[in-house]
Amino acid sequence: MKDGQLVGVVITGRPVSRYLDDGLTLEVNRLCTDGTRNACSFLYGAAARVAKAMGYHKIITYILDTEDGTSLRAAGWSCAGLAGGKEWTGRRKPAEPLYPAQMKYRYEKNLDGKEP
Protein backbone atom coordinates (compact mmCIF):
# COMPACT_ATOMS: atom_id res chain seq x y z
CA MET A 1 0.00 0.00 0.00
CA LYS A 2 1.18 3.46 -0.83
CA ASP A 3 -0.96 6.43 0.10
CA GLY A 4 -3.88 4.04 0.69
CA GLN A 5 -3.59 2.43 -2.75
CA LEU A 6 -2.71 -1.20 -3.41
CA VAL A 7 0.46 -1.21 -5.55
CA GLY A 8 1.46 -4.88 -5.53
CA VAL A 9 0.79 -8.43 -4.43
CA VAL A 10 2.90 -11.51 -3.74
CA ILE A 11 1.63 -15.10 -3.73
CA THR A 12 3.62 -17.91 -2.10
CA GLY A 13 3.13 -21.63 -1.81
CA ARG A 14 4.83 -24.99 -1.68
CA PRO A 15 7.66 -25.35 -4.21
CA VAL A 16 6.48 -26.53 -7.62
CA SER A 17 9.54 -28.81 -7.88
CA ARG A 18 8.92 -31.94 -5.87
CA TYR A 19 12.67 -32.13 -5.22
CA LEU A 20 12.57 -28.82 -3.34
CA ASP A 21 9.28 -29.50 -1.51
CA ASP A 22 10.90 -30.52 1.77
CA GLY A 23 8.45 -28.83 4.15
CA LEU A 24 11.07 -26.20 5.03
CA THR A 25 11.08 -24.28 1.74
CA LEU A 26 8.53 -21.74 0.50
CA GLU A 27 8.27 -20.50 -3.10
CA VAL A 28 7.18 -17.11 -4.40
CA ASN A 29 4.87 -18.25 -7.19
CA ARG A 30 3.70 -14.83 -8.37
CA LEU A 31 4.64 -11.21 -7.77
CA CYS A 32 2.91 -8.30 -9.46
CA THR A 33 3.15 -4.52 -9.03
CA ASP A 34 1.91 -1.44 -10.81
CA GLY A 35 5.50 -0.28 -11.30
CA THR A 36 5.79 1.67 -8.06
CA ARG A 37 9.44 2.22 -7.22
CA ASN A 38 10.91 -0.43 -4.86
CA ALA A 39 7.58 -2.30 -4.58
CA CYS A 40 9.08 -5.58 -5.85
CA SER A 41 11.99 -5.48 -3.39
CA PHE A 42 9.60 -4.62 -0.57
CA LEU A 43 7.34 -7.58 -1.41
CA TYR A 44 10.24 -10.05 -1.76
CA GLY A 45 11.56 -8.87 1.62
CA ALA A 46 8.12 -9.09 3.24
CA ALA A 47 7.58 -12.61 1.87
CA ALA A 48 10.92 -13.70 3.33
CA ARG A 49 10.14 -12.20 6.75
CA VAL A 50 6.73 -13.90 6.87
CA ALA A 51 8.24 -17.21 5.73
CA LYS A 52 10.84 -17.02 8.50
CA ALA A 53 8.15 -16.19 11.09
CA MET A 54 6.21 -19.25 9.92
CA GLY A 55 9.24 -21.50 10.47
CA TYR A 56 10.53 -21.93 6.92
CA HIS A 57 14.30 -22.22 6.44
CA LYS A 58 14.48 -21.08 2.81
CA ILE A 59 12.44 -19.11 0.29
CA ILE A 60 12.90 -19.44 -3.48
CA THR A 61 11.59 -18.00 -6.72
CA TYR A 62 12.32 -18.12 -10.44
CA ILE A 63 12.82 -15.36 -13.00
CA LEU A 64 13.32 -15.50 -16.76
CA ASP A 65 16.91 -15.41 -17.97
CA THR A 66 16.15 -12.07 -19.64
CA GLU A 67 15.33 -10.44 -16.29
CA ASP A 68 18.14 -8.91 -14.23
CA GLY A 69 17.07 -9.81 -10.67
CA THR A 70 17.80 -6.35 -9.25
CA SER A 71 14.78 -6.41 -6.92
CA LEU A 72 15.70 -9.82 -5.58
CA ARG A 73 19.31 -8.87 -4.90
CA ALA A 74 18.14 -5.63 -3.24
CA ALA A 75 16.01 -7.76 -0.90
CA GLY A 76 19.02 -9.91 0.04
CA TRP A 77 18.34 -12.91 -2.20
CA SER A 78 21.09 -14.65 -4.18
CA CYS A 79 21.11 -16.37 -7.55
CA ALA A 80 21.43 -20.15 -7.31
CA GLY A 81 22.00 -20.48 -11.07
CA LEU A 82 20.05 -21.74 -14.06
CA ALA A 83 17.12 -23.93 -13.19
CA GLY A 84 14.91 -26.34 -15.06
CA GLY A 85 14.16 -26.51 -18.73
CA LYS A 86 12.38 -24.26 -21.14
CA GLU A 87 8.99 -25.92 -20.77
CA TRP A 88 7.04 -28.59 -18.92
CA THR A 89 7.59 -32.21 -19.88
CA GLY A 90 5.71 -35.42 -19.19
CA ARG A 91 2.04 -35.87 -18.37
CA ARG A 92 1.71 -32.46 -16.72
CA LYS A 93 2.74 -30.57 -19.87
CA PRO A 94 -0.07 -28.17 -20.88
CA ALA A 95 -1.58 -28.61 -24.35
CA GLU A 96 -0.76 -24.97 -25.15
CA PRO A 97 2.28 -23.02 -23.87
CA LEU A 98 1.38 -20.92 -20.83
CA TYR A 99 4.54 -18.79 -20.75
CA PRO A 100 7.60 -18.02 -22.89
CA ALA A 101 9.88 -20.96 -23.63
CA GLN A 102 12.92 -19.49 -21.87
CA MET A 103 15.42 -20.66 -19.32
CA LYS A 104 14.96 -19.45 -15.76
CA TYR A 105 17.21 -18.50 -12.89
CA ARG A 106 16.40 -19.66 -9.37
CA TYR A 107 16.91 -17.11 -6.61
CA GLU A 108 16.86 -18.06 -2.96
CA LYS A 109 17.26 -16.66 0.50
CA ASN A 110 18.27 -18.77 3.48
CA LEU A 111 16.20 -17.80 6.48
CA ASP A 112 18.06 -19.74 9.16
CA GLY A 113 21.17 -17.56 9.07
CA LYS A 114 23.29 -20.08 7.18
CA GLU A 115 24.94 -19.26 3.86
CA PRO A 116 24.00 -21.47 0.86
C-alpha atoms as a PDB file:
ATOM      1  CA  MET A   1       0.000   0.000   0.000  1.00  0.00           C
ATOM      2  CA  LYS A   2       1.184   3.460  -0.827  1.00  0.00           C
ATOM      3  CA  ASP A   3      -0.963   6.426   0.104  1.00  0.00           C
ATOM      4  CA  GLY A   4      -3.876   4.038   0.688  1.00  0.00           C
ATOM      5  CA  GLN A   5      -3.590   2.432  -2.746  1.00  0.00           C
ATOM      6  CA  LEU A   6      -2.706  -1.203  -3.409  1.00  0.00           C
ATOM      7  CA  VAL A   7       0.457  -1.209  -5.547  1.00  0.00           C
ATOM      8  CA  GLY A   8       1.458  -4.875  -5.533  1.00  0.00           C
ATOM      9  CA  VAL A   9       0.794  -8.433  -4.428  1.00  0.00           C
ATOM     10  CA  VAL A  10       2.898 -11.512  -3.743  1.00  0.00           C
ATOM     11  CA  ILE A  11       1.632 -15.104  -3.731  1.00  0.00           C
ATOM     12  CA  THR A  12       3.617 -17.906  -2.098  1.00  0.00           C
ATOM     13  CA  GLY A  13       3.127 -21.634  -1.807  1.00  0.00           C
ATOM     14  CA  ARG A  14       4.833 -24.987  -1.681  1.00  0.00           C
ATOM     15  CA  PRO A  15       7.657 -25.353  -4.205  1.00  0.00           C
ATOM     16  CA  VAL A  16       6.479 -26.527  -7.616  1.00  0.00           C
ATOM     17  CA  SER A  17       9.538 -28.811  -7.877  1.00  0.00           C
ATOM     18  CA  ARG A  18       8.923 -31.942  -5.865  1.00  0.00           C
ATOM     19  CA  TYR A  19      12.675 -32.132  -5.222  1.00  0.00           C
ATOM     20  CA  LEU A  20      12.568 -28.825  -3.343  1.00  0.00           C
ATOM     21  CA  ASP A  21       9.279 -29.503  -1.514  1.00  0.00           C
ATOM     22  CA  ASP A  22      10.895 -30.523   1.774  1.00  0.00           C
ATOM     23  CA  GLY A  23       8.455 -28.833   4.154  1.00  0.00           C
ATOM     24  CA  LEU A  24      11.074 -26.200   5.030  1.00  0.00           C
ATOM     25  CA  THR A  25      11.083 -24.277   1.737  1.00  0.00           C
ATOM     26  CA  LEU A  26       8.527 -21.737   0.504  1.00  0.00           C
ATOM     27  CA  GLU A  27       8.269 -20.503  -3.103  1.00  0.00           C
ATOM     28  CA  VAL A  28       7.176 -17.112  -4.400  1.00  0.00           C
ATOM     29  CA  ASN A  29       4.868 -18.246  -7.186  1.00  0.00           C
ATOM     30  CA  ARG A  30       3.695 -14.828  -8.374  1.00  0.00           C
ATOM     31  CA  LEU A  31       4.635 -11.210  -7.770  1.00  0.00           C
ATOM     32  CA  CYS A  32       2.909  -8.295  -9.460  1.00  0.00           C
ATOM     33  CA  THR A  33       3.151  -4.524  -9.027  1.00  0.00           C
ATOM     34  CA  ASP A  34       1.908  -1.440 -10.813  1.00  0.00           C
ATOM     35  CA  GLY A  35       5.505  -0.281 -11.304  1.00  0.00           C
ATOM     36  CA  THR A  36       5.789   1.673  -8.058  1.00  0.00           C
ATOM     37  CA  ARG A  37       9.443   2.223  -7.217  1.00  0.00           C
ATOM     38  CA  ASN A  38      10.907  -0.430  -4.855  1.00  0.00           C
ATOM     39  CA  ALA A  39       7.585  -2.304  -4.575  1.00  0.00           C
ATOM     40  CA  CYS A  40       9.083  -5.577  -5.846  1.00  0.00           C
ATOM     41  CA  SER A  41      11.993  -5.481  -3.392  1.00  0.00           C
ATOM     42  CA  PHE A  42       9.600  -4.625  -0.569  1.00  0.00           C
ATOM     43  CA  LEU A  43       7.343  -7.582  -1.406  1.00  0.00           C
ATOM     44  CA  TYR A  44      10.241 -10.053  -1.757  1.00  0.00           C
ATOM     45  CA  GLY A  45      11.555  -8.870   1.617  1.00  0.00           C
ATOM     46  CA  ALA A  46       8.121  -9.092   3.236  1.00  0.00           C
ATOM     47  CA  ALA A  47       7.575 -12.612   1.866  1.00  0.00           C
ATOM     48  CA  ALA A  48      10.923 -13.699   3.331  1.00  0.00           C
ATOM     49  CA  ARG A  49      10.137 -12.199   6.755  1.00  0.00           C
ATOM     50  CA  VAL A  50       6.727 -13.900   6.873  1.00  0.00           C
ATOM     51  CA  ALA A  51       8.240 -17.211   5.727  1.00  0.00           C
ATOM     52  CA  LYS A  52      10.836 -17.019   8.501  1.00  0.00           C
ATOM     53  CA  ALA A  53       8.150 -16.188  11.087  1.00  0.00           C
ATOM     54  CA  MET A  54       6.208 -19.249   9.917  1.00  0.00           C
ATOM     55  CA  GLY A  55       9.241 -21.503  10.470  1.00  0.00           C
ATOM     56  CA  TYR A  56      10.526 -21.933   6.922  1.00  0.00           C
ATOM     57  CA  HIS A  57      14.297 -22.219   6.437  1.00  0.00           C
ATOM     58  CA  LYS A  58      14.483 -21.083   2.805  1.00  0.00           C
ATOM     59  CA  ILE A  59      12.443 -19.110   0.290  1.00  0.00           C
ATOM     60  CA  ILE A  60      12.901 -19.443  -3.485  1.00  0.00           C
ATOM     61  CA  THR A  61      11.586 -18.004  -6.724  1.00  0.00           C
ATOM     62  CA  TYR A  62      12.323 -18.121 -10.437  1.00  0.00           C
ATOM     63  CA  ILE A  63      12.816 -15.365 -12.999  1.00  0.00           C
ATOM     64  CA  LEU A  64      13.321 -15.496 -16.762  1.00  0.00           C
ATOM     65  CA  ASP A  65      16.910 -15.415 -17.973  1.00  0.00           C
ATOM     66  CA  THR A  66      16.150 -12.067 -19.643  1.00  0.00           C
ATOM     67  CA  GLU A  67      15.328 -10.437 -16.288  1.00  0.00           C
ATOM     68  CA  ASP A  68      18.140  -8.910 -14.233  1.00  0.00           C
ATOM     69  CA  GLY A  69      17.072  -9.814 -10.670  1.00  0.00           C
ATOM     70  CA  THR A  70      17.802  -6.352  -9.249  1.00  0.00           C
ATOM     71  CA  SER A  71      14.779  -6.405  -6.919  1.00  0.00           C
ATOM     72  CA  LEU A  72      15.701  -9.823  -5.575  1.00  0.00           C
ATOM     73  CA  ARG A  73      19.312  -8.870  -4.895  1.00  0.00           C
ATOM     74  CA  ALA A  74      18.143  -5.633  -3.240  1.00  0.00           C
ATOM     75  CA  ALA A  75      16.009  -7.759  -0.900  1.00  0.00           C
ATOM     76  CA  GLY A  76      19.017  -9.911   0.038  1.00  0.00           C
ATOM     77  CA  TRP A  77      18.339 -12.914  -2.197  1.00  0.00           C
ATOM     78  CA  SER A  78      21.092 -14.653  -4.178  1.00  0.00           C
ATOM     79  CA  CYS A  79      21.113 -16.372  -7.547  1.00  0.00           C
ATOM     80  CA  ALA A  80      21.428 -20.146  -7.311  1.00  0.00           C
ATOM     81  CA  GLY A  81      21.999 -20.476 -11.075  1.00  0.00           C
ATOM     82  CA  LEU A  82      20.047 -21.736 -14.062  1.00  0.00           C
ATOM     83  CA  ALA A  83      17.118 -23.934 -13.191  1.00  0.00           C
ATOM     84  CA  GLY A  84      14.912 -26.336 -15.059  1.00  0.00           C
ATOM     85  CA  GLY A  85      14.164 -26.508 -18.729  1.00  0.00           C
ATOM     86  CA  LYS A  86      12.375 -24.258 -21.136  1.00  0.00           C
ATOM     87  CA  GLU A  87       8.993 -25.922 -20.773  1.00  0.00           C
ATOM     88  CA  TRP A  88       7.041 -28.592 -18.917  1.00  0.00           C
ATOM     89  CA  THR A  89       7.585 -32.210 -19.877  1.00  0.00           C
ATOM     90  CA  GLY A  90       5.711 -35.423 -19.193  1.00  0.00           C
ATOM     91  CA  ARG A  91       2.041 -35.870 -18.367  1.00  0.00           C
ATOM     92  CA  ARG A  92       1.709 -32.456 -16.720  1.00  0.00           C
ATOM     93  CA  LYS A  93       2.740 -30.566 -19.874  1.00  0.00           C
ATOM     94  CA  PRO A  94      -0.074 -28.170 -20.877  1.00  0.00           C
ATOM     95  CA  ALA A  95      -1.580 -28.609 -24.348  1.00  0.00           C
ATOM     96  CA  GLU A  96      -0.761 -24.965 -25.153  1.00  0.00           C
ATOM     97  CA  PRO A  97       2.281 -23.015 -23.875  1.00  0.00           C
ATOM     98  CA  LEU A  98       1.376 -20.918 -20.832  1.00  0.00           C
ATOM     99  CA  TYR A  99       4.540 -18.793 -20.748  1.00  0.00           C
ATOM    100  CA  PRO A 100       7.596 -18.016 -22.891  1.00  0.00           C
ATOM    101  CA  ALA A 101       9.885 -20.961 -23.629  1.00  0.00           C
ATOM    102  CA  GLN A 102      12.918 -19.492 -21.873  1.00  0.00           C
ATOM    103  CA  MET A 103      15.420 -20.661 -19.321  1.00  0.00           C
ATOM    104  CA  LYS A 104      14.959 -19.449 -15.762  1.00  0.00           C
ATOM    105  CA  TYR A 105      17.214 -18.505 -12.886  1.00  0.00           C
ATOM    106  CA  ARG A 106      16.401 -19.660  -9.370  1.00  0.00           C
ATOM    107  CA  TYR A 107      16.905 -17.112  -6.613  1.00  0.00           C
ATOM    108  CA  GLU A 108      16.855 -18.057  -2.956  1.00  0.00           C
ATOM    109  CA  LYS A 109      17.263 -16.661   0.501  1.00  0.00           C
ATOM    110  CA  ASN A 110      18.271 -18.775   3.477  1.00  0.00           C
ATOM    111  CA  LEU A 111      16.199 -17.801   6.483  1.00  0.00           C
ATOM    112  CA  ASP A 112      18.056 -19.743   9.164  1.00  0.00           C
ATOM    113  CA  GLY A 113      21.170 -17.565   9.068  1.00  0.00           C
ATOM    114  CA  LYS A 114      23.289 -20.078   7.181  1.00  0.00           C
ATOM    115  CA  GLU A 115      24.936 -19.263   3.861  1.00  0.00           C
ATOM    116  CA  PRO A 116      24.001 -21.466   0.857  1.00  0.00           C
END
